[in-house]
């Protein structure tokens, strides 16, 4: 199964995403943690901004924190066994939807099309792994609303995103 996900339609830049590389992306969030959040989008954005600020400060000052090998091992284990989601907002923003692009259509391999408002899409998350492996049976991605309201029944088999 391909893990390629195009963003097209009423956008300035049609882009293609590869869900198989998101496991290396710092913006990924464990699914369990995502489903626990009440205001997940704001918290995740703040955590991401804080982490980037700390990283920038380390780079600027040249201070290298000591690396603990057990932490590395734990991170590797977590990646190999975890289930993850990633925010859709950065990808959708990079495609730069046009002014007349008011809705987002999620296209699935089973022929279903889910139409969302731009706000719902910008606040949404894409699940790309289960137990450390890509979603093969009902993937390549699942869509979750930002508030986790469809946590038990996400939109599955998402193959493309079209701004309409």
N, C-alpha and C. Protein backbone atom coordinates (compact mmCIF):
# COMPACT_ATOMS: atom_id res chain seq x y z
N UNK A 1 0.84 -1.17 0.00
CA UNK A 1 0.00 0.00 0.00
C UNK A 1 0.89 1.24 0.00
N UNK A 2 0.48 2.21 -0.80
CA UNK A 2 1.21 3.46 -0.85
C UNK A 2 0.85 4.33 0.34
N UNK A 3 1.82 5.11 0.76
CA UNK A 3 1.59 6.03 1.87
C UNK A 3 1.61 7.47 1.39
N UNK A 4 1.43 7.66 0.09
CA UNK A 4 1.46 8.99 -0.51
C UNK A 4 0.08 9.63 -0.38
N UNK A 5 0.07 10.90 0.02
CA UNK A 5 -1.17 11.63 0.29
C UNK A 5 -1.08 13.01 -0.37
N UNK A 6 -1.79 13.25 -1.49
CA UNK A 6 -1.72 14.56 -2.13
C UNK A 6 -2.67 15.57 -1.47
N UNK A 7 -2.26 16.83 -1.46
CA UNK A 7 -3.13 17.94 -1.10
C UNK A 7 -3.26 18.77 -2.37
N UNK A 8 -4.49 18.87 -2.86
CA UNK A 8 -4.71 19.53 -4.15
C UNK A 8 -6.01 20.33 -4.11
N UNK A 9 -6.41 20.84 -5.25
CA UNK A 9 -7.64 21.61 -5.34
C UNK A 9 -7.35 23.10 -5.34
N UNK A 10 -8.12 23.85 -4.57
CA UNK A 10 -7.99 25.30 -4.53
C UNK A 10 -6.86 25.71 -3.58
N UNK A 11 -5.65 25.36 -4.01
CA UNK A 11 -4.45 25.69 -3.24
C UNK A 11 -3.44 26.36 -4.18
N UNK A 12 -2.59 27.15 -3.60
CA UNK A 12 -1.55 27.81 -4.39
C UNK A 12 -0.50 26.79 -4.82
N UNK A 13 -0.19 25.85 -3.92
CA UNK A 13 0.81 24.82 -4.20
C UNK A 13 0.21 23.45 -3.93
N UNK A 14 0.08 22.64 -4.97
CA UNK A 14 -0.33 21.25 -4.76
C UNK A 14 0.89 20.52 -4.21
N UNK A 15 0.72 19.85 -3.08
CA UNK A 15 1.86 19.16 -2.47
C UNK A 15 1.53 17.69 -2.26
N UNK A 16 2.56 16.90 -2.12
CA UNK A 16 2.42 15.47 -1.90
C UNK A 16 3.10 15.13 -0.59
N UNK A 17 2.38 14.44 0.28
CA UNK A 17 2.91 14.03 1.58
C UNK A 17 3.23 12.55 1.56
N UNK A 18 4.25 12.15 2.30
CA UNK A 18 4.59 10.74 2.45
C UNK A 18 4.47 10.38 3.93
N UNK A 19 3.39 9.68 4.27
CA UNK A 19 3.11 9.35 5.67
C UNK A 19 4.16 8.43 6.28
N UNK A 20 4.93 7.72 5.45
CA UNK A 20 5.91 6.79 6.00
C UNK A 20 7.08 7.49 6.68
N UNK A 21 7.31 8.77 6.41
CA UNK A 21 8.43 9.48 7.03
C UNK A 21 8.01 10.27 8.27
N UNK A 22 6.72 10.32 8.57
CA UNK A 22 6.26 11.10 9.72
C UNK A 22 6.74 10.53 11.04
N UNK A 23 7.15 9.28 11.06
CA UNK A 23 7.64 8.67 12.30
C UNK A 23 8.88 9.42 12.81
N UNK A 24 9.58 10.11 11.90
CA UNK A 24 10.78 10.87 12.26
C UNK A 24 10.47 12.33 12.55
N UNK A 25 9.22 12.74 12.40
CA UNK A 25 8.82 14.14 12.56
C UNK A 25 8.60 14.45 14.04
N UNK A 26 9.15 15.55 14.51
CA UNK A 26 9.02 15.95 15.92
C UNK A 26 7.61 16.36 16.29
N UNK A 27 6.77 16.63 15.31
CA UNK A 27 5.41 17.07 15.58
C UNK A 27 4.46 15.90 15.89
N UNK A 28 4.93 14.69 15.76
CA UNK A 28 4.05 13.54 16.02
C UNK A 28 3.70 13.47 17.50
N UNK A 29 2.52 12.91 17.77
CA UNK A 29 2.00 12.80 19.13
C UNK A 29 1.49 11.38 19.30
N UNK A 30 1.71 10.82 20.46
CA UNK A 30 1.16 9.48 20.71
C UNK A 30 -0.36 9.56 20.72
N UNK A 31 -0.99 8.58 20.11
CA UNK A 31 -2.44 8.56 19.99
C UNK A 31 -3.13 8.61 21.34
N UNK A 32 -2.62 7.86 22.31
CA UNK A 32 -3.23 7.85 23.64
C UNK A 32 -3.18 9.23 24.28
N UNK A 33 -2.05 9.91 24.13
CA UNK A 33 -1.92 11.26 24.67
C UNK A 33 -2.86 12.22 23.97
N UNK A 34 -2.97 12.10 22.66
CA UNK A 34 -3.86 12.96 21.89
C UNK A 34 -5.31 12.79 22.34
N UNK A 35 -5.75 11.58 22.53
CA UNK A 35 -7.14 11.34 22.91
C UNK A 35 -7.44 11.76 24.34
N UNK A 36 -6.42 11.97 25.18
CA UNK A 36 -6.62 12.44 26.56
C UNK A 36 -6.81 13.94 26.64
N UNK A 37 -6.28 14.69 25.67
CA UNK A 37 -6.29 16.15 25.74
C UNK A 37 -7.69 16.71 25.62
N UNK A 38 -7.96 17.75 26.40
CA UNK A 38 -9.21 18.50 26.25
C UNK A 38 -9.03 19.56 25.18
N UNK A 39 -7.91 20.25 25.23
CA UNK A 39 -7.62 21.30 24.26
C UNK A 39 -6.30 20.94 23.58
N UNK A 40 -6.28 19.82 22.88
CA UNK A 40 -5.05 19.23 22.37
C UNK A 40 -4.30 20.13 21.40
N UNK A 41 -4.99 20.85 20.57
CA UNK A 41 -4.31 21.64 19.57
C UNK A 41 -3.46 22.72 20.22
N UNK A 42 -4.04 23.48 21.14
CA UNK A 42 -3.31 24.55 21.80
C UNK A 42 -2.14 24.00 22.60
N UNK A 43 -2.36 22.91 23.34
CA UNK A 43 -1.30 22.32 24.15
C UNK A 43 -0.17 21.80 23.26
N UNK A 44 -0.51 21.10 22.18
CA UNK A 44 0.50 20.54 21.31
C UNK A 44 1.30 21.63 20.61
N UNK A 45 0.63 22.70 20.19
CA UNK A 45 1.34 23.81 19.57
C UNK A 45 2.29 24.45 20.58
N UNK A 46 1.83 24.63 21.82
CA UNK A 46 2.68 25.23 22.84
C UNK A 46 3.87 24.33 23.16
N UNK A 47 3.65 23.02 23.28
CA UNK A 47 4.75 22.09 23.53
C UNK A 47 5.76 22.13 22.39
N UNK A 48 5.26 22.17 21.17
CA UNK A 48 6.14 22.19 20.01
C UNK A 48 6.97 23.48 20.00
N UNK A 49 6.32 24.61 20.25
CA UNK A 49 7.01 25.90 20.26
C UNK A 49 8.06 25.93 21.37
N UNK A 50 7.70 25.42 22.55
CA UNK A 50 8.64 25.39 23.67
C UNK A 50 9.85 24.52 23.33
N UNK A 51 9.61 23.35 22.74
CA UNK A 51 10.71 22.45 22.39
C UNK A 51 11.63 23.10 21.35
N UNK A 52 11.03 23.78 20.37
CA UNK A 52 11.84 24.43 19.35
C UNK A 52 12.64 25.58 19.94
N UNK A 53 12.05 26.33 20.88
CA UNK A 53 12.76 27.43 21.52
C UNK A 53 13.96 26.91 22.32
N UNK A 54 13.76 25.82 23.05
CA UNK A 54 14.86 25.23 23.81
C UNK A 54 15.96 24.73 22.87
N UNK A 55 15.56 24.12 21.77
CA UNK A 55 16.53 23.62 20.79
C UNK A 55 17.33 24.78 20.20
N UNK A 56 16.63 25.86 19.85
CA UNK A 56 17.29 27.04 19.29
C UNK A 56 18.29 27.61 20.29
N UNK A 57 17.91 27.69 21.55
CA UNK A 57 18.79 28.24 22.58
C UNK A 57 20.05 27.38 22.73
N UNK A 58 19.89 26.07 22.70
CA UNK A 58 21.05 25.17 22.78
C UNK A 58 21.98 25.38 21.58
N UNK A 59 21.38 25.51 20.39
CA UNK A 59 22.18 25.72 19.18
C UNK A 59 22.92 27.06 19.25
N UNK A 60 22.21 28.09 19.73
CA UNK A 60 22.77 29.44 19.77
C UNK A 60 23.93 29.52 20.75
N UNK A 61 23.77 28.92 21.93
CA UNK A 61 24.80 29.01 22.95
C UNK A 61 25.88 27.95 22.81
N UNK A 62 25.63 26.96 21.99
CA UNK A 62 26.61 25.90 21.79
C UNK A 62 26.65 24.89 22.92
N UNK A 63 25.71 24.96 23.83
CA UNK A 63 25.67 24.01 24.94
C UNK A 63 25.03 22.71 24.46
N UNK A 64 25.74 21.65 24.64
CA UNK A 64 25.22 20.34 24.25
C UNK A 64 24.86 19.59 25.53
N UNK A 65 23.58 19.29 25.71
CA UNK A 65 23.19 18.55 26.91
C UNK A 65 23.72 17.12 26.85
N UNK A 66 24.01 16.53 28.00
CA UNK A 66 24.48 15.16 27.99
C UNK A 66 23.40 14.23 27.46
N UNK A 67 23.81 13.23 26.72
CA UNK A 67 22.86 12.29 26.12
C UNK A 67 22.84 11.03 26.98
N UNK A 68 21.67 10.66 27.38
CA UNK A 68 21.51 9.46 28.18
C UNK A 68 21.11 8.32 27.26
N UNK A 69 21.92 7.28 27.18
CA UNK A 69 21.65 6.18 26.26
C UNK A 69 20.36 5.45 26.58
N UNK A 70 19.96 5.42 27.84
CA UNK A 70 18.71 4.74 28.17
C UNK A 70 17.52 5.54 27.64
N UNK A 71 17.64 6.86 27.58
CA UNK A 71 16.58 7.68 27.00
C UNK A 71 16.50 7.41 25.50
N UNK A 72 17.63 7.33 24.83
CA UNK A 72 17.64 7.00 23.41
C UNK A 72 16.96 5.67 23.17
N UNK A 73 17.29 4.69 23.99
CA UNK A 73 16.72 3.35 23.85
C UNK A 73 15.21 3.40 24.07
N UNK A 74 14.76 4.17 25.07
CA UNK A 74 13.34 4.31 25.35
C UNK A 74 12.63 4.96 24.16
N UNK A 75 13.23 6.01 23.58
CA UNK A 75 12.65 6.69 22.41
C UNK A 75 12.51 5.73 21.26
N UNK A 76 13.56 4.95 21.01
CA UNK A 76 13.54 3.99 19.90
C UNK A 76 12.45 2.95 20.12
N UNK A 77 12.35 2.47 21.34
CA UNK A 77 11.33 1.48 21.68
C UNK A 77 9.93 2.07 21.51
N UNK A 78 9.75 3.32 21.93
CA UNK A 78 8.46 3.99 21.82
C UNK A 78 8.05 4.14 20.36
N UNK A 79 8.99 4.50 19.50
CA UNK A 79 8.70 4.66 18.07
C UNK A 79 8.34 3.32 17.44
N UNK A 80 9.01 2.26 17.88
CA UNK A 80 8.78 0.94 17.29
C UNK A 80 7.51 0.27 17.78
N UNK A 81 6.92 0.76 18.86
CA UNK A 81 5.73 0.12 19.41
C UNK A 81 4.53 1.05 19.53
N UNK A 82 4.71 2.35 19.29
CA UNK A 82 3.64 3.32 19.52
C UNK A 82 2.71 3.53 18.35
N UNK A 83 1.58 4.16 18.64
CA UNK A 83 0.62 4.60 17.63
C UNK A 83 0.62 6.12 17.66
N UNK A 84 0.74 6.75 16.48
CA UNK A 84 0.95 8.19 16.42
C UNK A 84 -0.01 8.92 15.50
N UNK A 85 -0.24 10.20 15.82
CA UNK A 85 -0.97 11.13 14.97
C UNK A 85 -0.08 12.35 14.74
N UNK A 86 -0.40 13.11 13.71
CA UNK A 86 0.35 14.32 13.40
C UNK A 86 -0.66 15.40 13.00
N UNK A 87 -0.43 16.65 13.38
CA UNK A 87 -1.39 17.71 13.02
C UNK A 87 -1.40 17.95 11.50
N UNK A 88 -2.58 18.18 10.95
CA UNK A 88 -2.74 18.46 9.52
C UNK A 88 -2.43 19.92 9.19
N UNK A 89 -2.56 20.79 10.16
CA UNK A 89 -2.43 22.23 9.93
C UNK A 89 -1.14 22.65 9.21
N UNK A 90 0.04 22.20 9.63
CA UNK A 90 1.25 22.67 8.95
C UNK A 90 1.28 22.29 7.46
N UNK A 91 0.78 21.13 7.14
CA UNK A 91 0.80 20.68 5.75
C UNK A 91 -0.22 21.46 4.92
N UNK A 92 -1.40 21.62 5.47
CA UNK A 92 -2.45 22.37 4.78
C UNK A 92 -2.05 23.83 4.62
N UNK A 93 -1.42 24.40 5.62
CA UNK A 93 -0.95 25.79 5.54
C UNK A 93 0.12 25.95 4.47
N UNK A 94 1.02 24.98 4.35
CA UNK A 94 2.08 25.05 3.34
C UNK A 94 1.52 25.00 1.93
N UNK A 95 0.39 24.34 1.73
CA UNK A 95 -0.25 24.28 0.42
C UNK A 95 -0.90 25.62 0.07
N UNK A 96 -1.12 26.48 1.07
CA UNK A 96 -1.71 27.80 0.93
C UNK A 96 -3.06 27.76 0.20
N UNK A 97 -4.12 27.36 0.92
CA UNK A 97 -5.46 27.38 0.31
C UNK A 97 -5.82 28.79 -0.17
N UNK A 98 -6.49 28.87 -1.30
CA UNK A 98 -6.90 30.16 -1.84
C UNK A 98 -8.08 30.71 -1.04
N UNK A 99 -8.41 31.98 -1.27
CA UNK A 99 -9.49 32.64 -0.54
C UNK A 99 -10.83 31.94 -0.74
N UNK A 100 -11.06 31.41 -1.95
CA UNK A 100 -12.34 30.76 -2.22
C UNK A 100 -12.35 29.28 -1.81
N UNK A 101 -11.26 28.79 -1.26
CA UNK A 101 -11.22 27.42 -0.74
C UNK A 101 -11.78 27.39 0.68
N UNK A 102 -13.05 27.06 0.82
CA UNK A 102 -13.72 27.15 2.11
C UNK A 102 -13.87 25.81 2.82
N UNK A 103 -13.77 24.74 2.07
CA UNK A 103 -13.98 23.41 2.64
C UNK A 103 -12.85 22.48 2.23
N UNK A 104 -12.75 21.39 2.96
CA UNK A 104 -11.74 20.38 2.67
C UNK A 104 -12.44 19.04 2.52
N UNK A 105 -12.12 18.35 1.45
CA UNK A 105 -12.72 17.04 1.19
C UNK A 105 -11.66 15.96 1.39
N UNK A 106 -11.95 15.02 2.27
CA UNK A 106 -11.06 13.88 2.49
C UNK A 106 -11.53 12.75 1.60
N UNK A 107 -10.65 12.25 0.76
CA UNK A 107 -11.01 11.18 -0.16
C UNK A 107 -10.48 9.86 0.38
N UNK A 108 -11.34 8.85 0.38
CA UNK A 108 -10.92 7.55 0.91
C UNK A 108 -10.96 6.48 -0.18
N UNK A 109 -10.22 5.41 0.07
CA UNK A 109 -10.11 4.33 -0.91
C UNK A 109 -11.41 3.56 -1.08
N UNK A 110 -12.32 3.63 -0.10
CA UNK A 110 -13.59 2.93 -0.22
C UNK A 110 -14.66 3.77 -0.91
N UNK A 111 -14.26 4.92 -1.48
CA UNK A 111 -15.19 5.76 -2.22
C UNK A 111 -15.90 6.81 -1.39
N UNK A 112 -15.78 6.75 -0.09
CA UNK A 112 -16.41 7.77 0.77
C UNK A 112 -15.65 9.08 0.66
N UNK A 113 -16.39 10.17 0.74
CA UNK A 113 -15.79 11.49 0.76
C UNK A 113 -16.36 12.24 1.95
N UNK A 114 -15.49 12.74 2.79
CA UNK A 114 -15.89 13.47 3.99
C UNK A 114 -15.56 14.94 3.76
N UNK A 115 -16.57 15.80 3.85
CA UNK A 115 -16.36 17.23 3.65
C UNK A 115 -16.34 17.92 5.01
N UNK A 116 -15.27 18.69 5.23
CA UNK A 116 -15.06 19.40 6.48
C UNK A 116 -14.95 20.89 6.22
N UNK A 117 -15.20 21.69 7.24
CA UNK A 117 -14.91 23.11 7.12
C UNK A 117 -13.39 23.27 7.17
N UNK A 118 -12.91 24.41 6.72
CA UNK A 118 -11.47 24.66 6.75
C UNK A 118 -10.96 24.63 8.20
N UNK A 119 -11.74 25.16 9.13
CA UNK A 119 -11.35 25.17 10.53
C UNK A 119 -11.22 23.75 11.09
N UNK A 120 -12.19 22.89 10.77
CA UNK A 120 -12.13 21.51 11.24
C UNK A 120 -10.88 20.81 10.70
N UNK A 121 -10.58 21.05 9.42
CA UNK A 121 -9.40 20.43 8.82
C UNK A 121 -8.12 20.96 9.45
N UNK A 122 -8.04 22.28 9.65
CA UNK A 122 -6.84 22.88 10.23
C UNK A 122 -6.60 22.39 11.66
N UNK A 123 -7.66 22.08 12.37
CA UNK A 123 -7.53 21.60 13.75
C UNK A 123 -7.41 20.08 13.83
N UNK A 124 -7.51 19.40 12.70
CA UNK A 124 -7.51 17.94 12.68
C UNK A 124 -6.14 17.31 12.74
N UNK A 125 -6.15 16.00 12.96
CA UNK A 125 -4.92 15.21 13.05
C UNK A 125 -5.04 13.98 12.16
N UNK A 126 -3.91 13.54 11.62
CA UNK A 126 -3.86 12.33 10.81
C UNK A 126 -3.11 11.25 11.56
N UNK A 127 -3.74 10.10 11.69
CA UNK A 127 -3.06 8.96 12.30
C UNK A 127 -2.35 8.22 11.18
N UNK A 128 -1.11 7.84 11.43
CA UNK A 128 -0.32 7.19 10.39
C UNK A 128 0.34 5.89 10.84
N UNK A 129 0.24 5.55 12.13
CA UNK A 129 0.85 4.30 12.58
C UNK A 129 0.05 3.65 13.69
N UNK A 130 0.18 2.36 13.76
CA UNK A 130 -0.44 1.57 14.82
C UNK A 130 0.58 0.55 15.28
N UNK A 131 0.88 0.56 16.56
CA UNK A 131 1.86 -0.36 17.13
C UNK A 131 3.20 -0.31 16.39
N UNK A 132 3.61 0.90 16.02
CA UNK A 132 4.90 1.09 15.37
C UNK A 132 4.95 0.74 13.91
N UNK A 133 3.82 0.40 13.31
CA UNK A 133 3.78 0.00 11.91
C UNK A 133 2.80 0.90 11.14
N UNK A 134 3.04 1.07 9.84
CA UNK A 134 2.10 1.86 9.03
C UNK A 134 0.71 1.21 9.02
N UNK A 135 -0.31 2.02 8.81
CA UNK A 135 -1.68 1.51 8.73
C UNK A 135 -1.87 0.84 7.36
N UNK A 136 -1.83 -0.45 7.32
CA UNK A 136 -1.89 -1.18 6.05
C UNK A 136 -3.32 -1.54 5.66
N UNK A 137 -4.11 -2.04 6.60
CA UNK A 137 -5.44 -2.54 6.28
C UNK A 137 -6.43 -1.42 5.97
N UNK A 138 -6.42 -0.36 6.75
CA UNK A 138 -7.40 0.70 6.56
C UNK A 138 -6.73 2.07 6.50
N UNK A 139 -5.56 2.11 5.89
CA UNK A 139 -4.79 3.35 5.80
C UNK A 139 -4.70 3.85 4.38
N UNK A 140 -3.77 4.71 4.10
CA UNK A 140 -2.55 5.00 4.85
C UNK A 140 -2.75 5.94 6.04
N UNK A 141 -3.88 6.66 6.10
CA UNK A 141 -4.10 7.55 7.23
C UNK A 141 -5.55 7.50 7.70
N UNK A 142 -5.75 7.91 8.94
CA UNK A 142 -7.08 8.13 9.52
C UNK A 142 -7.15 9.59 9.91
N UNK A 143 -8.35 10.17 9.87
CA UNK A 143 -8.52 11.57 10.26
C UNK A 143 -9.27 11.65 11.58
N UNK A 144 -8.73 12.45 12.53
CA UNK A 144 -9.36 12.71 13.82
C UNK A 144 -9.63 14.22 13.93
N UNK A 145 -10.79 14.57 14.45
CA UNK A 145 -11.06 15.97 14.75
C UNK A 145 -10.14 16.40 15.88
N UNK A 146 -9.82 17.69 15.93
CA UNK A 146 -8.90 18.22 16.92
C UNK A 146 -9.33 18.01 18.35
N UNK A 147 -10.64 17.93 18.59
CA UNK A 147 -11.12 17.71 19.94
C UNK A 147 -11.23 16.22 20.29
N UNK A 148 -10.88 15.36 19.35
CA UNK A 148 -10.92 13.91 19.60
C UNK A 148 -12.32 13.34 19.64
N UNK A 149 -13.31 14.11 19.18
CA UNK A 149 -14.71 13.67 19.29
C UNK A 149 -15.00 12.41 18.48
N UNK A 150 -14.22 12.14 17.44
CA UNK A 150 -14.42 10.90 16.69
C UNK A 150 -13.30 9.91 16.99
N UNK A 151 -12.79 9.96 18.20
CA UNK A 151 -11.68 9.10 18.62
C UNK A 151 -11.95 7.62 18.47
N UNK A 152 -13.20 7.20 18.69
CA UNK A 152 -13.52 5.78 18.57
C UNK A 152 -13.92 5.40 17.15
N UNK A 153 -14.20 6.39 16.30
CA UNK A 153 -14.62 6.11 14.93
C UNK A 153 -14.06 7.17 13.97
N UNK A 154 -12.73 7.16 13.73
CA UNK A 154 -12.14 8.17 12.84
C UNK A 154 -12.50 7.88 11.38
N UNK A 155 -12.29 8.87 10.53
CA UNK A 155 -12.44 8.64 9.09
C UNK A 155 -11.22 7.84 8.64
N UNK A 156 -11.46 6.69 8.02
CA UNK A 156 -10.35 5.80 7.67
C UNK A 156 -10.11 5.77 6.16
N UNK A 157 -9.03 5.12 5.77
CA UNK A 157 -8.64 4.93 4.36
C UNK A 157 -8.44 6.25 3.62
N UNK A 158 -7.96 7.27 4.30
CA UNK A 158 -7.79 8.59 3.66
C UNK A 158 -6.58 8.54 2.71
N UNK A 159 -6.86 8.78 1.43
CA UNK A 159 -5.83 8.72 0.38
C UNK A 159 -5.50 10.08 -0.21
N UNK A 160 -6.36 11.08 0.01
CA UNK A 160 -6.13 12.39 -0.57
C UNK A 160 -6.91 13.47 0.12
N UNK A 161 -6.44 14.70 -0.03
CA UNK A 161 -7.07 15.86 0.58
C UNK A 161 -7.25 16.89 -0.53
N UNK A 162 -8.49 17.34 -0.71
CA UNK A 162 -8.79 18.32 -1.75
C UNK A 162 -9.47 19.53 -1.12
N UNK A 163 -8.91 20.70 -1.37
CA UNK A 163 -9.53 21.94 -0.92
C UNK A 163 -10.57 22.33 -1.96
N UNK A 164 -11.82 22.50 -1.52
CA UNK A 164 -12.92 22.81 -2.46
C UNK A 164 -13.58 24.14 -2.10
